[in-house]
């Protein structure tokens, strides 16, 4: 009888589900997915949950392969030496290979008062805590959204479309990733919705109070409800388990997503830092990395050399309420280009992406190995960056020696 291989996947988000589904390609692999909640969180819809237009959750039976065992629990420690994970419930699950896909959440805000008086929305439980606060606030109450990346822009637009009086505090540039043309389209739509946009260096938040937000230039903005979308952080599980991590706590890997400490551990999604040069935290990256991590494990089981990371980008899409959006095209190295699609068509394209994400996961669950987007050739930017890093490291070694 052929020997069975046990693979544990930590984290049931975009990367973890994709990896778990793909690993069922082999009948001699047993896959266990450990996740702290019993439903899949569709994170790119969390702003809709805040606005009351979507539940932002999907049943696992709709996206997870039947052969994957789901354990609803949290991992408290990875025992790399003993090839096992310890659970919050007191149990333990052993593994032959481990896929580390714990994802990301809100970064711990360093701004005084933010942790006490501002509400993050990076996770399902975050938004669930926010909802009763929004419900209790009058529609005319001032709502301040801090952070002008996609999450901040989408949340501000969603709430404004519900009749809220919203101020978006950028702390810098509105939509930093966007091309200036796409940025102009976003600004025009936000203005039409009545969102007051405060941008520039002087818009950096220096303090959050119970009923106000203070800015670097001394302005004090009245705020009955303050929402924090500035920055992402990752769980400290890898660091607590004695594994090598980068400055933010992402697991350090090589270009095959294999841990630099242990070739039985691979990482995927927001919690991975391949070659110390992590990719943009996004669903667009998470699913391909999940497929790549699974392929690394499957290659090793087949006695083959795993292929290196080859991430390709194409666009960033932002919804601006239910009636408009911006689909910002970019090159394969993740740099925005001049072309974008806005308005109602932009909204339809964003909605198509959101539905397509679930479809990709469901398709991989039903036909593992069918997902191919992680094999699309990426841009030259990463190769140049890696070469520059190697040159710099060589230079430093020469200086020291």
Protein backbone atom coordinates (compact mmCIF):
# COMPACT_ATOMS: atom_id res chain seq x y z
CA UNK A 1 0.00 0.00 0.00
CA UNK A 2 1.32 3.45 -0.92
CA UNK A 3 2.35 5.65 2.00
CA UNK A 4 -0.06 8.49 2.77
CA UNK A 5 1.15 12.09 3.15
CA UNK A 6 -0.51 14.42 5.65
CA UNK A 7 -0.61 18.10 4.76
CA UNK A 8 -1.93 20.72 7.18
CA UNK A 9 -2.99 24.11 5.87
CA UNK A 10 -3.21 26.90 8.46
CA UNK A 11 -5.71 29.54 7.38
CA UNK A 12 -8.89 29.24 5.35
CA UNK A 13 -8.70 32.43 3.30
CA UNK A 14 -8.02 32.86 -0.41
CA UNK A 15 -4.52 31.35 -0.31
CA UNK A 16 -5.30 28.55 2.14
CA UNK A 17 -8.44 27.34 0.38
CA UNK A 18 -6.74 27.41 -3.02
CA UNK A 19 -3.79 25.42 -1.66
CA UNK A 20 -5.99 22.91 0.16
CA UNK A 21 -8.15 22.29 -2.90
CA UNK A 22 -5.18 21.87 -5.19
CA UNK A 23 -3.49 19.39 -2.86
CA UNK A 24 -6.40 16.97 -3.32
CA UNK A 25 -5.03 16.37 -6.82
CA UNK A 26 -3.22 13.36 -5.34
CA UNK A 27 -5.26 10.58 -3.81
CA UNK A 28 -2.46 9.68 -1.40
CA UNK A 29 -2.49 13.11 0.24
CA UNK A 30 -4.69 13.82 3.26
CA UNK A 31 -5.42 17.54 3.63
CA UNK A 32 -6.49 19.19 6.88
CA UNK A 33 -7.46 22.87 6.88
CA UNK A 34 -7.34 24.62 10.26
CA UNK A 35 -9.33 27.86 10.44
CA UNK A 36 -10.78 29.75 13.42
CA UNK A 37 -14.26 30.15 11.90
CA UNK A 38 -16.64 27.74 10.13
CA UNK A 39 -17.33 29.95 7.10
CA UNK A 40 -15.17 31.45 4.36
CA UNK A 41 -14.75 35.22 4.68
CA UNK A 42 -14.92 36.99 1.32
CA UNK A 43 -12.67 39.83 2.45
CA UNK A 44 -12.99 41.92 -0.70
CA UNK A 45 -16.65 42.40 0.27
CA UNK A 46 -16.12 43.48 3.89
CA UNK A 47 -16.78 47.11 2.98
CA UNK A 48 -20.16 45.93 1.67
CA UNK A 49 -20.87 44.27 5.00
CA UNK A 50 -20.17 47.63 6.64
CA UNK A 51 -22.58 49.27 4.23
CA UNK A 52 -25.24 46.58 4.55
CA UNK A 53 -25.12 45.37 0.94
CA UNK A 54 -23.48 41.92 1.35
CA UNK A 55 -22.86 39.35 4.08
CA UNK A 56 -19.21 38.89 3.00
CA UNK A 57 -19.22 35.18 3.91
CA UNK A 58 -19.52 32.02 1.82
CA UNK A 59 -20.23 28.49 3.05
CA UNK A 60 -17.12 26.34 2.90
CA UNK A 61 -19.12 23.63 1.20
CA UNK A 62 -19.32 25.98 -1.80
CA UNK A 63 -15.56 26.57 -2.14
CA UNK A 64 -13.74 23.73 -0.35
CA UNK A 65 -13.08 20.31 -1.84
CA UNK A 66 -15.02 17.50 -0.20
CA UNK A 67 -11.80 15.63 0.52
CA UNK A 68 -10.45 18.42 2.74
CA UNK A 69 -10.97 17.97 6.48
CA UNK A 70 -11.96 21.28 8.10
CA UNK A 71 -10.90 21.81 11.72
CA UNK A 72 -12.51 24.90 13.26
CA UNK A 73 -9.83 25.98 15.70
CA UNK A 74 -6.83 28.27 16.02
CA UNK A 75 -3.18 27.22 15.85
CA UNK A 76 -1.25 28.51 18.86
CA UNK A 77 2.17 27.10 17.95
CA UNK A 78 3.96 25.32 15.14
CA UNK A 79 6.24 22.55 16.40
CA UNK A 80 8.55 22.37 13.40
CA UNK A 81 10.90 19.86 15.01
CA UNK A 82 8.01 17.55 15.88
CA UNK A 83 6.08 18.21 12.63
CA UNK A 84 2.86 19.21 14.35
CA UNK A 85 0.64 22.16 15.18
CA UNK A 86 -0.82 22.85 18.61
CA UNK A 87 -4.43 24.03 18.78
CA UNK A 88 -6.18 26.49 21.09
CA UNK A 89 -8.57 23.69 22.08
CA UNK A 90 -5.63 21.70 23.41
CA UNK A 91 -5.40 19.29 20.54
CA UNK A 92 -2.55 18.64 18.14
CA UNK A 93 -2.42 17.80 14.43
CA UNK A 94 0.65 16.20 12.90
CA UNK A 95 1.89 16.86 9.39
CA UNK A 96 4.38 15.77 6.78
CA UNK A 97 4.06 19.18 5.08
CA UNK A 98 2.64 22.44 6.35
CA UNK A 99 1.15 25.31 4.33
CA UNK A 100 1.34 28.56 6.28
CA UNK A 101 -1.48 30.80 5.00
CA UNK A 102 -2.61 32.75 8.06
CA UNK A 103 -3.33 35.90 6.04
CA UNK A 104 -3.36 39.42 7.41
CA UNK A 105 -5.45 41.78 9.50
CA UNK A 106 -5.34 45.32 10.75
CA UNK A 107 -1.94 46.61 11.78
CA UNK A 108 -1.61 47.64 15.40
CA UNK A 109 -2.10 51.42 15.12
CA UNK A 110 0.69 53.43 16.71
CA UNK A 111 -1.35 56.64 16.66
CA UNK A 112 -2.48 57.61 20.18
CA UNK A 113 -6.13 56.81 20.75
CA UNK A 114 -6.59 54.78 17.56
CA UNK A 115 -6.74 51.43 19.32
CA UNK A 116 -9.32 52.76 21.80
CA UNK A 117 -11.57 54.87 19.58
CA UNK A 118 -11.14 53.77 15.95
CA UNK A 119 -12.71 50.67 14.41
CA UNK A 120 -10.62 48.50 12.04
CA UNK A 121 -12.41 46.63 9.24
CA UNK A 122 -9.78 44.18 7.99
CA UNK A 123 -11.58 41.15 9.40
CA UNK A 124 -15.09 39.80 9.75
CA UNK A 125 -15.17 40.24 13.51
CA UNK A 126 -13.87 43.81 13.11
CA UNK A 127 -16.82 44.78 10.93
CA UNK A 128 -19.26 42.93 13.18
CA UNK A 129 -18.07 45.12 16.07
CA UNK A 130 -18.49 48.24 13.93
CA UNK A 131 -22.03 47.53 12.73
CA UNK A 132 -23.91 48.20 16.01
CA UNK A 133 -21.92 51.40 16.46
CA UNK A 134 -22.97 52.60 13.01
CA UNK A 135 -26.56 51.54 13.68
CA UNK A 136 -26.61 53.55 16.91
CA UNK A 137 -25.25 56.69 15.24
CA UNK A 138 -27.70 59.04 13.51
CA UNK A 139 -27.42 59.16 9.71
CA UNK A 140 -26.26 62.78 10.03
CA UNK A 141 -23.41 61.89 12.41
CA UNK A 142 -19.89 62.52 11.14
CA UNK A 143 -18.06 59.36 10.05
CA UNK A 144 -14.31 59.55 9.47
CA UNK A 145 -12.49 56.88 7.45
CA UNK A 146 -8.71 56.92 7.92
CA UNK A 147 -6.63 55.50 5.08
CA UNK A 148 -6.97 56.02 1.34
CA UNK A 149 -6.06 52.62 -0.06
CA UNK A 150 -8.77 50.43 -1.62
CA UNK A 151 -10.32 49.50 1.74
CA UNK A 152 -10.65 53.12 2.83
CA UNK A 153 -11.97 54.36 -0.49
CA UNK A 154 -14.49 51.54 -0.80
CA UNK A 155 -15.72 51.91 2.76
CA UNK A 156 -16.11 55.67 2.44
CA UNK A 157 -18.07 55.29 -0.81
CA UNK A 158 -20.27 52.50 0.53
CA UNK A 159 -21.25 54.44 3.65
CA UNK A 160 -21.77 57.69 1.77
CA UNK A 161 -24.09 55.91 -0.64
CA UNK A 162 -26.14 54.83 2.40
CA UNK A 163 -26.59 58.51 3.28
CA UNK A 164 -23.76 58.84 5.80
CA UNK A 165 -21.77 62.08 6.18
CA UNK A 166 -18.29 60.79 5.45
CA UNK A 167 -14.80 62.30 5.53
CA UNK A 168 -11.93 60.31 4.04
CA UNK A 169 -8.59 61.19 5.64
CA UNK A 170 -5.83 60.03 3.32
CA UNK A 171 -2.69 60.67 5.35
CA UNK A 172 -1.01 61.37 2.01
CA UNK A 173 -2.17 60.67 -1.53
CA UNK A 174 -5.63 59.40 -2.45
CA UNK A 175 -5.28 55.91 -3.92
CA UNK A 176 -1.45 55.73 -3.98
CA UNK A 177 -1.41 52.80 -6.42
CA UNK A 178 -3.64 54.49 -8.98
CA UNK A 179 -2.50 56.35 -12.08
CA UNK A 180 -3.38 60.05 -11.91
CA UNK A 181 -6.24 59.50 -14.37
CA UNK A 182 -7.72 56.71 -12.29
CA UNK A 183 -7.21 58.81 -9.16
CA UNK A 184 -9.12 61.67 -10.75
CA UNK A 185 -11.99 59.32 -11.56
CA UNK A 186 -12.11 58.12 -7.95
CA UNK A 187 -12.04 61.69 -6.61
CA UNK A 188 -14.90 62.73 -8.88
CA UNK A 189 -17.07 59.83 -7.79
CA UNK A 190 -16.36 60.42 -4.10
CA UNK A 191 -17.27 64.10 -4.54
CA UNK A 192 -20.53 63.11 -6.22
CA UNK A 193 -21.34 60.90 -3.24
CA UNK A 194 -20.64 63.79 -0.87
CA UNK A 195 -17.44 62.36 0.60
CA UNK A 196 -15.05 65.04 1.85
CA UNK A 197 -11.51 63.99 0.93
CA UNK A 198 -8.63 65.33 3.05
CA UNK A 199 -5.26 64.54 1.50
CA UNK A 200 -1.64 65.66 1.53
CA UNK A 201 1.14 65.35 4.10
CA UNK A 202 -0.78 67.56 6.53
CA UNK A 203 -3.62 65.03 6.59
CA UNK A 204 -1.65 62.51 8.62
CA UNK A 205 -3.60 61.52 11.73
CA UNK A 206 -1.76 62.31 14.97
CA UNK A 207 -4.44 61.39 17.49
CA UNK A 208 -7.88 59.82 17.66
CA UNK A 209 -10.31 60.94 20.36
CA UNK A 210 -13.73 59.58 21.27
CA UNK A 211 -15.43 62.23 19.14
CA UNK A 212 -12.70 63.66 16.91
CA UNK A 213 -9.66 62.98 14.75
CA UNK A 214 -6.61 65.27 14.98
CA UNK A 215 -4.38 65.97 11.99
CA UNK A 216 -0.72 66.90 11.62
CA UNK A 217 -1.54 70.50 10.68
CA UNK A 218 -3.52 71.01 13.89
CA UNK A 219 -7.00 70.53 12.45
CA UNK A 220 -9.53 68.67 14.57
CA UNK A 221 -12.24 66.85 12.63
CA UNK A 222 -15.45 66.02 14.44
CA UNK A 223 -16.06 62.26 14.26
CA UNK A 224 -18.86 60.30 15.88
CA UNK A 225 -17.54 57.09 14.31
CA UNK A 226 -13.89 56.68 13.27
CA UNK A 227 -12.93 53.78 10.99
CA UNK A 228 -9.27 52.73 10.62
CA UNK A 229 -8.12 51.20 7.33
CA UNK A 230 -4.49 52.37 7.33
CA UNK A 231 -2.06 49.47 7.07
CA UNK A 232 -2.11 45.71 7.45
CA UNK A 233 -0.40 43.43 9.93
CA UNK A 234 0.10 39.67 10.04
CA UNK A 235 -0.33 37.20 12.92
CA UNK A 236 2.82 36.51 14.94
CA UNK A 237 2.39 32.73 14.84
CA UNK A 238 5.55 32.10 12.80
CA UNK A 239 7.67 34.32 15.04
CA UNK A 240 6.24 32.75 18.21
CA UNK A 241 7.06 29.34 16.76
CA UNK A 242 10.73 30.23 16.29
CA UNK A 243 10.63 30.49 12.49
CA UNK A 244 12.45 33.19 10.54
CA UNK A 245 10.27 36.18 9.67
CA UNK A 246 10.67 39.61 8.12
CA UNK A 247 10.20 42.89 10.00
CA UNK A 248 6.39 42.64 9.77
CA UNK A 249 6.30 39.01 10.89
CA UNK A 250 5.79 37.36 7.49
CA UNK A 251 7.40 33.93 7.10
CA UNK A 252 10.69 34.16 5.20
CA UNK A 253 10.87 31.79 2.23
CA UNK A 254 12.81 31.22 -0.94
CA UNK A 255 11.30 31.74 -4.40
CA UNK A 256 9.50 28.37 -4.23
CA UNK A 257 7.70 29.63 -1.08
CA UNK A 258 9.65 27.15 1.06
CA UNK A 259 10.60 28.32 4.55
CA UNK A 260 14.28 29.20 4.88
CA UNK A 261 14.29 27.11 8.07
CA UNK A 262 12.40 23.96 7.07
CA UNK A 263 11.70 22.47 3.64
CA UNK A 264 8.52 20.85 4.98
CA UNK A 265 6.93 24.26 5.53
CA UNK A 266 5.72 26.46 2.66
CA UNK A 267 3.91 29.79 2.88
CA UNK A 268 1.31 31.55 0.78
CA UNK A 269 -0.66 34.78 0.71
CA UNK A 270 -0.20 37.90 2.82
CA UNK A 271 1.83 36.06 5.48
CA UNK A 272 4.62 35.03 3.07
CA UNK A 273 7.82 36.98 2.38
CA UNK A 274 9.56 35.20 -0.52
CA UNK A 275 13.26 36.15 -0.64
CA UNK A 276 12.49 38.92 1.84
CA UNK A 277 10.72 40.72 -1.01
CA UNK A 278 7.00 40.23 -0.29
CA UNK A 279 4.31 40.97 -2.85
CA UNK A 280 1.40 43.36 -2.42
CA UNK A 281 -1.09 42.11 0.15
CA UNK A 282 -4.17 41.33 -1.92
CA UNK A 283 -6.51 38.60 -3.11
CA UNK A 284 -4.91 39.01 -6.53
CA UNK A 285 -1.68 37.68 -5.03
CA UNK A 286 -3.10 35.27 -2.45
CA UNK A 287 -4.79 32.78 -4.76
CA UNK A 288 -1.83 32.37 -7.16
CA UNK A 289 0.51 31.99 -4.17
CA UNK A 290 -1.83 29.36 -2.73
CA UNK A 291 -1.64 27.42 -5.99
CA UNK A 292 2.15 27.87 -6.12
CA UNK A 293 2.57 26.64 -2.53
CA UNK A 294 0.51 23.54 -3.31
CA UNK A 295 2.54 22.92 -6.46
CA UNK A 296 5.75 23.12 -4.42
CA UNK A 297 4.49 20.37 -2.11
CA UNK A 298 3.20 18.27 -5.00
CA UNK A 299 6.52 18.62 -6.85
CA UNK A 300 8.45 17.39 -3.84
CA UNK A 301 6.12 14.42 -3.46
CA UNK A 302 6.72 13.59 -7.12
CA UNK A 303 10.49 13.83 -6.66
CA UNK A 304 10.64 16.92 -8.87
CA UNK A 305 12.26 20.30 -8.36
CA UNK A 306 9.64 22.96 -7.47
CA UNK A 307 9.27 25.87 -9.85
CA UNK A 308 10.11 29.36 -8.58
CA UNK A 309 7.60 32.12 -8.04
CA UNK A 310 6.45 33.86 -11.22
CA UNK A 311 3.75 36.32 -10.15
CA UNK A 312 1.95 38.36 -12.79
CA UNK A 313 -0.25 41.38 -12.15
CA UNK A 314 -2.85 43.04 -14.33
CA UNK A 315 -5.04 45.51 -12.52
CA UNK A 316 -6.49 46.83 -9.30
CA UNK A 317 -10.25 47.28 -9.06
CA UNK A 318 -12.07 49.53 -6.60
CA UNK A 319 -15.81 49.74 -6.06
CA UNK A 320 -17.27 53.18 -5.43
CA UNK A 321 -20.64 52.24 -4.04
CA UNK A 322 -22.96 49.97 -5.95
CA UNK A 323 -23.25 52.16 -9.03
CA UNK A 324 -19.67 52.93 -9.98
CA UNK A 325 -16.12 51.67 -9.77
CA UNK A 326 -12.63 51.98 -11.19
CA UNK A 327 -10.78 49.16 -12.91
CA UNK A 328 -7.19 50.41 -12.94
CA UNK A 329 -4.98 48.53 -15.38
CA UNK A 330 -1.33 47.93 -14.59
CA UNK A 331 1.67 46.20 -16.10
CA UNK A 332 2.84 42.72 -15.12
CA UNK A 333 5.19 44.20 -12.52
CA UNK A 334 2.26 45.83 -10.69
CA UNK A 335 2.74 49.42 -11.84
CA UNK A 336 -0.42 51.32 -12.80
CA UNK A 337 -0.69 52.50 -16.41
CA UNK A 338 -2.74 55.34 -17.87
CA UNK A 339 -5.73 53.21 -18.90
CA UNK A 340 -8.65 52.63 -16.57
CA UNK A 341 -12.35 51.89 -16.85
CA UNK A 342 -14.67 53.85 -14.58
CA UNK A 343 -18.32 54.49 -13.91
CA UNK A 344 -20.99 51.81 -14.12
CA UNK A 345 -18.86 49.55 -16.31
CA UNK A 346 -16.07 49.77 -13.72
CA UNK A 347 -18.57 48.67 -11.06
CA UNK A 348 -19.69 45.71 -13.20
CA UNK A 349 -16.08 44.66 -13.75
CA UNK A 350 -15.35 44.82 -10.01
CA UNK A 351 -18.45 42.76 -9.28
CA UNK A 352 -17.33 40.27 -11.91
CA UNK A 353 -13.98 39.97 -10.15
CA UNK A 354 -15.65 39.37 -6.77
CA UNK A 355 -17.84 36.62 -8.22
CA UNK A 356 -14.91 35.23 -10.19
CA UNK A 357 -12.84 34.77 -7.03
CA UNK A 358 -15.41 32.41 -5.55
CA UNK A 359 -15.75 30.64 -8.89
CA UNK A 360 -11.98 30.06 -9.12
CA UNK A 361 -11.99 28.45 -5.67
CA UNK A 362 -15.07 26.37 -6.41
CA UNK A 363 -13.67 25.23 -9.75
CA UNK A 364 -10.42 24.15 -8.09
CA UNK A 365 -12.44 22.27 -5.47
CA UNK A 366 -14.29 20.32 -8.14
CA UNK A 367 -11.36 19.90 -10.52
CA UNK A 368 -8.04 20.28 -8.67
CA UNK A 369 -5.16 21.40 -10.85
CA UNK A 370 -7.38 23.40 -13.20
CA UNK A 371 -6.32 26.82 -11.91
CA UNK A 372 -3.57 28.26 -14.12
CA UNK A 373 -3.26 31.98 -13.39
CA UNK A 374 -0.16 31.46 -11.24
CA UNK A 375 1.61 30.22 -14.37
CA UNK A 376 1.07 33.45 -16.34
CA UNK A 377 4.48 34.98 -16.94
CA UNK A 378 5.19 37.86 -14.59
CA UNK A 379 6.93 41.15 -15.30
CA UNK A 380 10.67 41.78 -15.17
CA UNK A 381 10.41 44.01 -12.11
CA UNK A 382 10.80 41.25 -9.53
CA UNK A 383 13.81 39.76 -11.28
CA UNK A 384 15.53 43.14 -11.32
CA UNK A 385 14.73 43.71 -7.66
CA UNK A 386 16.10 40.31 -6.67
CA UNK A 387 19.28 40.91 -8.65
CA UNK A 388 19.69 44.31 -6.99
CA UNK A 389 19.31 42.66 -3.58
CA UNK A 390 21.93 40.04 -4.43
CA UNK A 391 24.32 42.71 -5.66
CA UNK A 392 23.83 44.76 -2.50
CA UNK A 393 24.35 41.69 -0.28
CA UNK A 394 27.52 40.80 -2.19
CA UNK A 395 28.77 44.36 -1.82
CA UNK A 396 28.17 44.33 1.94
CA UNK A 397 29.94 40.98 2.34
CA UNK A 398 32.95 42.30 0.41
CA UNK A 399 33.07 45.37 2.63
CA UNK A 400 32.87 43.32 5.82
CA UNK A 401 35.50 40.81 4.69
